[in-house]
Amino acid sequence: MADKVYESFEITANQKERSLINALSKASRSLIRIHGDSGSAYHQLKAQQKRQLSDVLSLYALLDKSVP
């Protein structure tokens, strides 16, 4: 059995989701809770992960401005 499971999905983030991601990227302590049928798991974002979120938001904003 694998130690880790990776999942991904693609969405177009709405304004509320972008605001939440922005708040996570700027918070001094960012904790994500993942809830499932068998319980919950928590993950605290590291500084590098928060910078990466901020970079993604910046790129998203640049791309959004370039689409007519």
PDB file of N, CA and C in Angstrom:
ATOM      1  N   MET A   1       0.836  -1.185   0.000  1.00  0.00           N
ATOM      2  CA  MET A   1       0.000   0.000   0.000  1.00  0.00           C
ATOM      3  C   MET A   1       0.883   1.252   0.000  1.00  0.00           C
ATOM      4  N   ALA A   2       0.497   2.227  -0.773  1.00  0.00           N
ATOM      5  CA  ALA A   2       1.278   3.458  -0.910  1.00  0.00           C
ATOM      6  C   ALA A   2       1.198   4.303   0.358  1.00  0.00           C
ATOM      7  N   ASP A   3       2.297   4.989   0.660  1.00  0.00           N
ATOM      8  CA  ASP A   3       2.332   5.869   1.818  1.00  0.00           C
ATOM      9  C   ASP A   3       1.574   7.169   1.570  1.00  0.00           C
ATOM     10  N   LYS A   4       1.545   7.595   0.323  1.00  0.00           N
ATOM     11  CA  LYS A   4       0.916   8.872  -0.007  1.00  0.00           C
ATOM     12  C   LYS A   4      -0.008   8.705  -1.198  1.00  0.00           C
ATOM     13  N   VAL A   5      -1.049   9.486  -1.208  1.00  0.00           N
ATOM     14  CA  VAL A   5      -1.980   9.511  -2.324  1.00  0.00           C
ATOM     15  C   VAL A   5      -2.009  10.938  -2.847  1.00  0.00           C
ATOM     16  N   TYR A   6      -1.841  11.091  -4.138  1.00  0.00           N
ATOM     17  CA  TYR A   6      -1.883  12.406  -4.748  1.00  0.00           C
ATOM     18  C   TYR A   6      -3.107  12.492  -5.643  1.00  0.00           C
ATOM     19  N   GLU A   7      -3.834  13.562  -5.508  1.00  0.00           N
ATOM     20  CA  GLU A   7      -4.985  13.815  -6.358  1.00  0.00           C
ATOM     21  C   GLU A   7      -4.883  15.243  -6.868  1.00  0.00           C
ATOM     22  N   SER A   8      -5.404  15.458  -8.044  1.00  0.00           N
ATOM     23  CA  SER A   8      -5.442  16.813  -8.573  1.00  0.00           C
ATOM     24  C   SER A   8      -6.715  16.987  -9.383  1.00  0.00           C
ATOM     25  N   PHE A   9      -7.083  18.236  -9.572  1.00  0.00           N
ATOM     26  CA  PHE A   9      -8.225  18.571 -10.405  1.00  0.00           C
ATOM     27  C   PHE A   9      -8.044  19.989 -10.895  1.00  0.00           C
ATOM     28  N   GLU A  10      -8.716  20.305 -11.969  1.00  0.00           N
ATOM     29  CA  GLU A  10      -8.617  21.642 -12.542  1.00  0.00           C
ATOM     30  C   GLU A  10      -9.955  22.340 -12.445  1.00  0.00           C
ATOM     31  N   ILE A  11      -9.909  23.591 -12.023  1.00  0.00           N
ATOM     32  CA  ILE A  11     -11.106  24.416 -11.961  1.00  0.00           C
ATOM     33  C   ILE A  11     -10.743  25.823 -12.408  1.00  0.00           C
ATOM     34  N   THR A  12     -11.736  26.582 -12.763  1.00  0.00           N
ATOM     35  CA  THR A  12     -11.562  28.011 -12.947  1.00  0.00           C
ATOM     36  C   THR A  12     -12.008  28.646 -11.639  1.00  0.00           C
ATOM     37  N   ALA A  13     -11.071  29.229 -10.941  1.00  0.00           N
ATOM     38  CA  ALA A  13     -11.356  29.782  -9.619  1.00  0.00           C
ATOM     39  C   ALA A  13     -12.240  31.022  -9.729  1.00  0.00           C
ATOM     40  N   ASN A  14     -13.270  31.072  -8.900  1.00  0.00           N
ATOM     41  CA  ASN A  14     -14.100  32.273  -8.858  1.00  0.00           C
ATOM     42  C   ASN A  14     -13.474  33.266  -7.872  1.00  0.00           C
ATOM     43  N   GLN A  15     -14.084  34.418  -7.730  1.00  0.00           N
ATOM     44  CA  GLN A  15     -13.508  35.470  -6.879  1.00  0.00           C
ATOM     45  C   GLN A  15     -13.379  35.022  -5.421  1.00  0.00           C
ATOM     46  N   LYS A  16     -14.355  34.306  -4.902  1.00  0.00           N
ATOM     47  CA  LYS A  16     -14.300  33.843  -3.515  1.00  0.00           C
ATOM     48  C   LYS A  16     -13.134  32.877  -3.317  1.00  0.00           C
ATOM     49  N   GLU A  17     -12.952  31.953  -4.261  1.00  0.00           N
ATOM     50  CA  GLU A  17     -11.852  30.994  -4.157  1.00  0.00           C
ATOM     51  C   GLU A  17     -10.496  31.688  -4.268  1.00  0.00           C
ATOM     52  N   ARG A  18     -10.392  32.670  -5.161  1.00  0.00           N
ATOM     53  CA  ARG A  18      -9.136  33.423  -5.267  1.00  0.00           C
ATOM     54  C   ARG A  18      -8.854  34.189  -3.981  1.00  0.00           C
ATOM     55  N   SER A  19      -9.888  34.723  -3.344  1.00  0.00           N
ATOM     56  CA  SER A  19      -9.707  35.436  -2.079  1.00  0.00           C
ATOM     57  C   SER A  19      -9.232  34.493  -0.980  1.00  0.00           C
ATOM     58  N   LEU A  20      -9.788  33.291  -0.946  1.00  0.00           N
ATOM     59  CA  LEU A  20      -9.371  32.302   0.055  1.00  0.00           C
ATOM     60  C   LEU A  20      -7.911  31.889  -0.160  1.00  0.00           C
ATOM     61  N   ILE A  21      -7.538  31.666  -1.411  1.00  0.00           N
ATOM     62  CA  ILE A  21      -6.152  31.290  -1.716  1.00  0.00           C
ATOM     63  C   ILE A  21      -5.209  32.433  -1.369  1.00  0.00           C
ATOM     64  N   ASN A  22      -5.618  33.657  -1.654  1.00  0.00           N
ATOM     65  CA  ASN A  22      -4.811  34.819  -1.301  1.00  0.00           C
ATOM     66  C   ASN A  22      -4.618  34.912   0.215  1.00  0.00           C
ATOM     67  N   ALA A  23      -5.683  34.662   0.966  1.00  0.00           N
ATOM     68  CA  ALA A  23      -5.586  34.700   2.431  1.00  0.00           C
ATOM     69  C   ALA A  23      -4.649  33.611   2.934  1.00  0.00           C
ATOM     70  N   LEU A  24      -4.730  32.413   2.355  1.00  0.00           N
ATOM     71  CA  LEU A  24      -3.823  31.328   2.751  1.00  0.00           C
ATOM     72  C   LEU A  24      -2.374  31.695   2.470  1.00  0.00           C
ATOM     73  N   SER A  25      -2.137  32.336   1.332  1.00  0.00           N
ATOM     74  CA  SER A  25      -0.763  32.662   0.956  1.00  0.00           C
ATOM     75  C   SER A  25      -0.159  33.756   1.831  1.00  0.00           C
ATOM     76  N   LYS A  26      -1.009  34.599   2.426  1.00  0.00           N
ATOM     77  CA  LYS A  26      -0.513  35.721   3.230  1.00  0.00           C
ATOM     78  C   LYS A  26      -0.539  35.472   4.740  1.00  0.00           C
ATOM     79  N   ALA A  27      -1.212  34.425   5.162  1.00  0.00           N
ATOM     80  CA  ALA A  27      -1.361  34.165   6.601  1.00  0.00           C
ATOM     81  C   ALA A  27      -0.040  33.750   7.236  1.00  0.00           C
ATOM     82  N   SER A  28       0.131  34.106   8.484  1.00  0.00           N
ATOM     83  CA  SER A  28       1.345  33.683   9.186  1.00  0.00           C
ATOM     84  C   SER A  28       1.318  32.179   9.442  1.00  0.00           C
ATOM     85  N   ARG A  29       0.127  31.604   9.587  1.00  0.00           N
ATOM     86  CA  ARG A  29      -0.034  30.153   9.773  1.00  0.00           C
ATOM     87  C   ARG A  29      -1.228  29.710   8.937  1.00  0.00           C
ATOM     88  N   SER A  30      -0.969  28.903   7.923  1.00  0.00           N
ATOM     89  CA  SER A  30      -2.024  28.427   7.023  1.00  0.00           C
ATOM     90  C   SER A  30      -2.228  26.928   7.238  1.00  0.00           C
ATOM     91  N   LEU A  31      -3.409  26.572   7.673  1.00  0.00           N
ATOM     92  CA  LEU A  31      -3.732  25.182   7.969  1.00  0.00           C
ATOM     93  C   LEU A  31      -4.908  24.762   7.099  1.00  0.00           C
ATOM     94  N   ILE A  32      -4.727  23.665   6.363  1.00  0.00           N
ATOM     95  CA  ILE A  32      -5.777  23.144   5.498  1.00  0.00           C
ATOM     96  C   ILE A  32      -6.328  21.871   6.134  1.00  0.00           C
ATOM     97  N   ARG A  33      -7.643  21.785   6.208  1.00  0.00           N
ATOM     98  CA  ARG A  33      -8.289  20.574   6.733  1.00  0.00           C
ATOM     99  C   ARG A  33      -8.957  19.863   5.569  1.00  0.00           C
ATOM    100  N   ILE A  34      -8.666  18.577   5.457  1.00  0.00           N
ATOM    101  CA  ILE A  34      -9.281  17.746   4.426  1.00  0.00           C
ATOM    102  C   ILE A  34     -10.169  16.752   5.161  1.00  0.00           C
ATOM    103  N   HIS A  35     -11.455  16.791   4.830  1.00  0.00           N
ATOM    104  CA  HIS A  35     -12.425  15.959   5.542  1.00  0.00           C
ATOM    105  C   HIS A  35     -12.971  14.893   4.603  1.00  0.00           C
ATOM    106  N   GLY A  36     -13.006  13.666   5.081  1.00  0.00           N
ATOM    107  CA  GLY A  36     -13.530  12.556   4.289  1.00  0.00           C
ATOM    108  C   GLY A  36     -14.370  11.629   5.142  1.00  0.00           C
ATOM    109  N   ASP A  37     -14.819  10.546   4.558  1.00  0.00           N
ATOM    110  CA  ASP A  37     -15.677   9.592   5.263  1.00  0.00           C
ATOM    111  C   ASP A  37     -14.999   8.959   6.479  1.00  0.00           C
ATOM    112  N   SER A  38     -13.687   8.792   6.414  1.00  0.00           N
ATOM    113  CA  SER A  38     -12.983   8.130   7.513  1.00  0.00           C
ATOM    114  C   SER A  38     -12.359   9.103   8.508  1.00  0.00           C
ATOM    115  N   GLY A  39     -12.631  10.394   8.359  1.00  0.00           N
ATOM    116  CA  GLY A  39     -12.101  11.369   9.311  1.00  0.00           C
ATOM    117  C   GLY A  39     -11.518  12.573   8.616  1.00  0.00           C
ATOM    118  N   SER A  40     -10.683  13.297   9.353  1.00  0.00           N
ATOM    119  CA  SER A  40     -10.085  14.523   8.838  1.00  0.00           C
ATOM    120  C   SER A  40      -8.569  14.446   8.900  1.00  0.00           C
ATOM    121  N   ALA A  41      -7.933  15.158   8.007  1.00  0.00           N
ATOM    122  CA  ALA A  41      -6.481  15.288   8.024  1.00  0.00           C
ATOM    123  C   ALA A  41      -6.158  16.774   7.936  1.00  0.00           C
ATOM    124  N   TYR A  42      -5.083  17.165   8.563  1.00  0.00           N
ATOM    125  CA  TYR A  42      -4.664  18.565   8.580  1.00  0.00           C
ATOM    126  C   TYR A  42      -3.286  18.696   7.958  1.00  0.00           C
ATOM    127  N   HIS A  43      -3.087  19.794   7.242  1.00  0.00           N
ATOM    128  CA  HIS A  43      -1.797  20.066   6.621  1.00  0.00           C
ATOM    129  C   HIS A  43      -1.477  21.541   6.792  1.00  0.00           C
ATOM    130  N   GLN A  44      -0.340  21.822   7.424  1.00  0.00           N
ATOM    131  CA  GLN A  44       0.090  23.213   7.565  1.00  0.00           C
ATOM    132  C   GLN A  44       0.997  23.550   6.388  1.00  0.00           C
ATOM    133  N   LEU A  45       0.651  24.633   5.679  1.00  0.00           N
ATOM    134  CA  LEU A  45       1.447  25.043   4.525  1.00  0.00           C
ATOM    135  C   LEU A  45       2.777  25.621   4.976  1.00  0.00           C
ATOM    136  N   LYS A  46       3.827  25.243   4.272  1.00  0.00           N
ATOM    137  CA  LYS A  46       5.156  25.785   4.527  1.00  0.00           C
ATOM    138  C   LYS A  46       5.295  27.106   3.772  1.00  0.00           C
ATOM    139  N   ALA A  47       6.307  27.877   4.129  1.00  0.00           N
ATOM    140  CA  ALA A  47       6.529  29.189   3.501  1.00  0.00           C
ATOM    141  C   ALA A  47       6.652  29.067   1.984  1.00  0.00           C
ATOM    142  N   GLN A  48       7.375  28.067   1.503  1.00  0.00           N
ATOM    143  CA  GLN A  48       7.534  27.882   0.061  1.00  0.00           C
ATOM    144  C   GLN A  48       6.193  27.598  -0.610  1.00  0.00           C
ATOM    145  N   GLN A  49       5.342  26.812   0.017  1.00  0.00           N
ATOM    146  CA  GLN A  49       4.030  26.514  -0.550  1.00  0.00           C
ATOM    147  C   GLN A  49       3.159  27.766  -0.610  1.00  0.00           C
ATOM    148  N   LYS A  50       3.261  28.608   0.403  1.00  0.00           N
ATOM    149  CA  LYS A  50       2.492  29.858   0.397  1.00  0.00           C
ATOM    150  C   LYS A  50       2.984  30.790  -0.710  1.00  0.00           C
ATOM    151  N   ARG A  51       4.297  30.835  -0.927  1.00  0.00           N
ATOM    152  CA  ARG A  51       4.847  31.636  -2.030  1.00  0.00           C
ATOM    153  C   ARG A  51       4.360  31.097  -3.379  1.00  0.00           C
ATOM    154  N   GLN A  52       4.304  29.773  -3.498  1.00  0.00           N
ATOM    155  CA  GLN A  52       3.833  29.173  -4.747  1.00  0.00           C
ATOM    156  C   GLN A  52       2.367  29.514  -5.005  1.00  0.00           C
ATOM    157  N   LEU A  53       1.546  29.518  -3.973  1.00  0.00           N
ATOM    158  CA  LEU A  53       0.151  29.931  -4.134  1.00  0.00           C
ATOM    159  C   LEU A  53       0.073  31.372  -4.618  1.00  0.00           C
ATOM    160  N   SER A  54       0.879  32.223  -4.019  1.00  0.00           N
ATOM    161  CA  SER A  54       0.903  33.630  -4.414  1.00  0.00           C
ATOM    162  C   SER A  54       1.342  33.778  -5.866  1.00  0.00           C
ATOM    163  N   ASP A  55       2.342  32.994  -6.269  1.00  0.00           N
ATOM    164  CA  ASP A  55       2.816  33.031  -7.662  1.00  0.00           C
ATOM    165  C   ASP A  55       1.714  32.603  -8.628  1.00  0.00           C
ATOM    166  N   VAL A  56       0.966  31.574  -8.269  1.00  0.00           N
ATOM    167  CA  VAL A  56      -0.122  31.097  -9.129  1.00  0.00           C
ATOM    168  C   VAL A  56      -1.187  32.182  -9.286  1.00  0.00           C
ATOM    169  N   LEU A  57      -1.518  32.862  -8.196  1.00  0.00           N
ATOM    170  CA  LEU A  57      -2.504  33.947  -8.273  1.00  0.00           C
ATOM    171  C   LEU A  57      -2.004  35.080  -9.159  1.00  0.00           C
ATOM    172  N   SER A  58      -0.733  35.401  -9.062  1.00  0.00           N
ATOM    173  CA  SER A  58      -0.157  36.457  -9.910  1.00  0.00           C
ATOM    174  C   SER A  58      -0.219  36.060 -11.371  1.00  0.00           C
ATOM    175  N   LEU A  59       0.125  34.825 -11.662  1.00  0.00           N
ATOM    176  CA  LEU A  59       0.065  34.341 -13.037  1.00  0.00           C
ATOM    177  C   LEU A  59      -1.372  34.338 -13.543  1.00  0.00           C
ATOM    178  N   TYR A  60      -2.292  33.902 -12.715  1.00  0.00           N
ATOM    179  CA  TYR A  60      -3.710  33.881 -13.084  1.00  0.00           C
ATOM    180  C   TYR A  60      -4.185  35.289 -13.451  1.00  0.00           C
ATOM    181  N   ALA A  61      -3.787  36.269 -12.653  1.00  0.00           N
ATOM    182  CA  ALA A  61      -4.187  37.654 -12.912  1.00  0.00           C
ATOM    183  C   ALA A  61      -3.596  38.146 -14.232  1.00  0.00           C
ATOM    184  N   LEU A  62      -2.340  37.815 -14.495  1.00  0.00           N
ATOM    185  CA  LEU A  62      -1.708  38.220 -15.764  1.00  0.00           C
ATOM    186  C   LEU A  62      -2.410  37.579 -16.958  1.00  0.00           C
ATOM    187  N   LEU A  63      -2.709  36.303 -16.854  1.00  0.00           N
ATOM    188  CA  LEU A  63      -3.372  35.610 -17.956  1.00  0.00           C
ATOM    189  C   LEU A  63      -4.790  36.138 -18.163  1.00  0.00           C
ATOM    190  N   ASP A  64      -5.459  36.444 -17.071  1.00  0.00           N
ATOM    191  CA  ASP A  64      -6.823  36.960 -17.155  1.00  0.00           C
ATOM    192  C   ASP A  64      -6.843  38.293 -17.898  1.00  0.00           C
ATOM    193  N   LYS A  65      -5.843  39.125 -17.684  1.00  0.00           N
ATOM    194  CA  LYS A  65      -5.773  40.434 -18.346  1.00  0.00           C
ATOM    195  C   LYS A  65      -5.423  40.287 -19.838  1.00  0.00           C
ATOM    196  N   SER A  66      -4.778  39.189 -20.207  1.00  0.00           N
ATOM    197  CA  SER A  66      -4.358  39.028 -21.596  1.00  0.00           C
ATOM    198  C   SER A  66      -5.446  38.431 -22.478  1.00  0.00           C
ATOM    199  N   VAL A  67      -6.548  37.950 -21.878  1.00  0.00           N
ATOM    200  CA  VAL A  67      -7.632  37.363 -22.653  1.00  0.00           C
ATOM    201  C   VAL A  67      -8.651  38.449 -22.961  1.00  0.00           C
ATOM    202  N   PRO A  68      -8.949  38.663 -24.269  1.00  0.00           N
ATOM    203  CA  PRO A  68      -9.897  39.743 -24.623  1.00  0.00           C
ATOM    204  C   PRO A  68     -11.306  39.437 -24.187  1.00  0.00           C
TER     205      PRO A  68
END
